Amino acid sequence: MKINIIAAVARNRAIGYNGDMVYFIKEDLRRFRQLTTGHTVICCSAQSNPRIRRTSDRPT
C-alpha cells in the first residue's frame, strides 16, 4: 500500500492556528487539487475549511 502525505508547514513547524491554515496561497491549493483529484483524501479540520471544497471526483 502506498500512502502520500501533503502538508503545508510553517517555519516553526505549525500546520494550523486557531482552527485555520497557517497561511493561504492560492497556487498551493490548486496544486493540492491537482494532486488529489481522483484519489481518496483523508483530512481533519480541513473538511470544514471553505478553501478546500469537496468534489465528486475526489472522495473523502
N, C-alpha and C. Protein backbone atom coordinates (compact mmCIF):
# COMPACT_ATOMS: atom_id res chain seq x y z
N MET A 1 0.85 -1.17 0.00
CA MET A 1 0.00 0.00 0.00
C MET A 1 0.89 1.24 0.00
N LYS A 2 0.52 2.21 -0.79
CA LYS A 2 1.27 3.46 -0.87
C LYS A 2 0.42 4.58 -0.27
N ILE A 3 1.02 5.35 0.64
CA ILE A 3 0.34 6.48 1.26
C ILE A 3 1.17 7.73 1.00
N ASN A 4 0.53 8.76 0.47
CA ASN A 4 1.19 10.05 0.26
C ASN A 4 0.63 11.05 1.26
N ILE A 5 1.50 11.89 1.78
CA ILE A 5 1.08 12.92 2.72
C ILE A 5 1.42 14.28 2.14
N ILE A 6 0.44 15.18 2.16
CA ILE A 6 0.65 16.56 1.70
C ILE A 6 0.37 17.45 2.90
N ALA A 7 1.34 18.27 3.26
CA ALA A 7 1.15 19.16 4.41
C ALA A 7 1.82 20.50 4.13
N ALA A 8 1.13 21.56 4.49
CA ALA A 8 1.71 22.90 4.45
C ALA A 8 2.22 23.19 5.86
N VAL A 9 3.52 23.36 5.99
CA VAL A 9 4.14 23.52 7.30
C VAL A 9 4.88 24.85 7.36
N ALA A 10 4.62 25.62 8.41
CA ALA A 10 5.30 26.90 8.61
C ALA A 10 6.72 26.67 9.11
N ARG A 11 7.52 27.70 9.12
CA ARG A 11 8.91 27.58 9.58
C ARG A 11 9.00 27.10 11.03
N ASN A 12 8.01 27.42 11.84
CA ASN A 12 8.03 26.97 13.23
C ASN A 12 7.35 25.60 13.38
N ARG A 13 7.15 24.91 12.26
CA ARG A 13 6.57 23.57 12.16
C ARG A 13 5.07 23.52 12.47
N ALA A 14 4.43 24.65 12.48
CA ALA A 14 2.98 24.69 12.71
C ALA A 14 2.25 24.28 11.43
N ILE A 15 1.14 23.57 11.61
CA ILE A 15 0.31 23.21 10.46
C ILE A 15 -1.06 23.87 10.52
N GLY A 16 -1.31 24.60 11.59
CA GLY A 16 -2.57 25.32 11.73
C GLY A 16 -2.51 26.27 12.90
N TYR A 17 -3.49 27.18 12.93
CA TYR A 17 -3.57 28.14 14.02
C TYR A 17 -5.02 28.53 14.22
N ASN A 18 -5.53 28.34 15.42
CA ASN A 18 -6.93 28.66 15.75
C ASN A 18 -7.92 28.00 14.78
N GLY A 19 -7.66 26.75 14.44
CA GLY A 19 -8.57 26.01 13.57
C GLY A 19 -8.51 26.36 12.11
N ASP A 20 -7.52 27.12 11.69
CA ASP A 20 -7.40 27.51 10.28
C ASP A 20 -6.01 27.15 9.78
N MET A 21 -5.81 27.28 8.49
CA MET A 21 -4.50 27.03 7.92
C MET A 21 -3.55 28.15 8.32
N VAL A 22 -2.26 27.83 8.40
CA VAL A 22 -1.26 28.81 8.81
C VAL A 22 -1.21 29.97 7.83
N TYR A 23 -1.32 29.66 6.55
CA TYR A 23 -1.31 30.69 5.52
C TYR A 23 -2.13 30.21 4.34
N PHE A 24 -2.49 31.11 3.47
CA PHE A 24 -3.33 30.79 2.32
C PHE A 24 -2.62 31.24 1.05
N ILE A 25 -2.23 30.27 0.24
CA ILE A 25 -1.58 30.55 -1.04
C ILE A 25 -2.41 29.83 -2.11
N LYS A 26 -3.03 30.61 -2.98
CA LYS A 26 -3.94 30.06 -3.98
C LYS A 26 -3.28 28.98 -4.84
N GLU A 27 -2.03 29.21 -5.23
CA GLU A 27 -1.32 28.24 -6.07
C GLU A 27 -1.13 26.91 -5.34
N ASP A 28 -0.91 26.96 -4.03
CA ASP A 28 -0.77 25.72 -3.25
C ASP A 28 -2.06 24.92 -3.27
N LEU A 29 -3.19 25.60 -3.13
CA LEU A 29 -4.47 24.90 -3.15
C LEU A 29 -4.78 24.33 -4.53
N ARG A 30 -4.38 25.02 -5.59
CA ARG A 30 -4.55 24.47 -6.95
C ARG A 30 -3.71 23.20 -7.11
N ARG A 31 -2.49 23.24 -6.60
CA ARG A 31 -1.61 22.07 -6.68
C ARG A 31 -2.18 20.91 -5.86
N PHE A 32 -2.72 21.21 -4.68
CA PHE A 32 -3.36 20.19 -3.85
C PHE A 32 -4.49 19.52 -4.62
N ARG A 33 -5.31 20.33 -5.26
CA ARG A 33 -6.43 19.77 -6.04
C ARG A 33 -5.91 18.91 -7.19
N GLN A 34 -4.88 19.37 -7.88
CA GLN A 34 -4.31 18.62 -8.99
C GLN A 34 -3.78 17.26 -8.52
N LEU A 35 -3.11 17.24 -7.38
CA LEU A 35 -2.52 16.01 -6.87
C LEU A 35 -3.56 15.05 -6.30
N THR A 36 -4.66 15.55 -5.78
CA THR A 36 -5.62 14.69 -5.10
C THR A 36 -6.83 14.30 -5.94
N THR A 37 -7.05 14.95 -7.07
CA THR A 37 -8.20 14.61 -7.90
C THR A 37 -8.11 13.16 -8.35
N GLY A 38 -9.18 12.41 -8.12
CA GLY A 38 -9.22 11.00 -8.48
C GLY A 38 -8.70 10.08 -7.41
N HIS A 39 -8.31 10.64 -6.26
CA HIS A 39 -7.77 9.85 -5.16
C HIS A 39 -8.57 10.12 -3.88
N THR A 40 -8.50 9.21 -2.95
CA THR A 40 -9.15 9.40 -1.66
C THR A 40 -8.36 10.39 -0.84
N VAL A 41 -9.07 11.30 -0.17
CA VAL A 41 -8.44 12.32 0.67
C VAL A 41 -8.96 12.14 2.10
N ILE A 42 -8.04 12.05 3.04
CA ILE A 42 -8.40 11.97 4.45
C ILE A 42 -7.92 13.25 5.11
N CYS A 43 -8.86 14.03 5.62
CA CYS A 43 -8.50 15.29 6.29
C CYS A 43 -9.23 15.39 7.61
N CYS A 44 -8.76 16.33 8.36
CA CYS A 44 -9.37 16.56 9.67
C CYS A 44 -10.15 17.87 9.62
N SER A 45 -9.60 18.92 10.19
CA SER A 45 -10.32 20.19 10.23
C SER A 45 -10.45 20.82 8.85
N ALA A 46 -9.66 20.36 7.90
CA ALA A 46 -9.73 20.93 6.55
C ALA A 46 -11.09 20.67 5.90
N GLN A 47 -11.81 19.63 6.36
CA GLN A 47 -13.12 19.35 5.78
C GLN A 47 -14.08 20.50 5.98
N SER A 48 -13.93 21.22 7.06
CA SER A 48 -14.82 22.34 7.30
C SER A 48 -14.25 23.65 6.77
N ASN A 49 -13.07 23.59 6.18
CA ASN A 49 -12.43 24.78 5.65
C ASN A 49 -13.03 25.10 4.29
N PRO A 50 -13.62 26.28 4.12
CA PRO A 50 -14.25 26.60 2.83
C PRO A 50 -13.26 26.72 1.68
N ARG A 51 -11.96 26.83 1.98
CA ARG A 51 -10.96 26.94 0.91
C ARG A 51 -10.70 25.60 0.24
N ILE A 52 -11.02 24.51 0.93
CA ILE A 52 -10.84 23.17 0.36
C ILE A 52 -12.24 22.59 0.15
N ARG A 53 -12.70 22.60 -1.09
CA ARG A 53 -14.05 22.15 -1.40
C ARG A 53 -14.06 20.66 -1.70
N ARG A 54 -15.13 20.01 -1.28
CA ARG A 54 -15.32 18.61 -1.65
C ARG A 54 -15.78 18.56 -3.10
N THR A 55 -15.30 17.58 -3.83
CA THR A 55 -15.73 17.41 -5.21
C THR A 55 -16.09 15.95 -5.43
N SER A 56 -16.91 15.68 -6.43
CA SER A 56 -17.32 14.31 -6.71
C SER A 56 -16.18 13.48 -7.28
N ASP A 57 -15.15 14.12 -7.82
CA ASP A 57 -14.02 13.37 -8.39
C ASP A 57 -12.91 13.13 -7.37
N ARG A 58 -13.17 13.48 -6.10
CA ARG A 58 -12.17 13.29 -5.05
C ARG A 58 -12.91 12.86 -3.79
N PRO A 59 -13.08 11.53 -3.59
CA PRO A 59 -13.82 11.07 -2.41
C PRO A 59 -13.08 11.42 -1.13
N THR A 60 -13.82 11.69 -0.06
CA THR A 60 -13.21 11.98 1.25
C THR A 60 -13.67 10.98 2.27
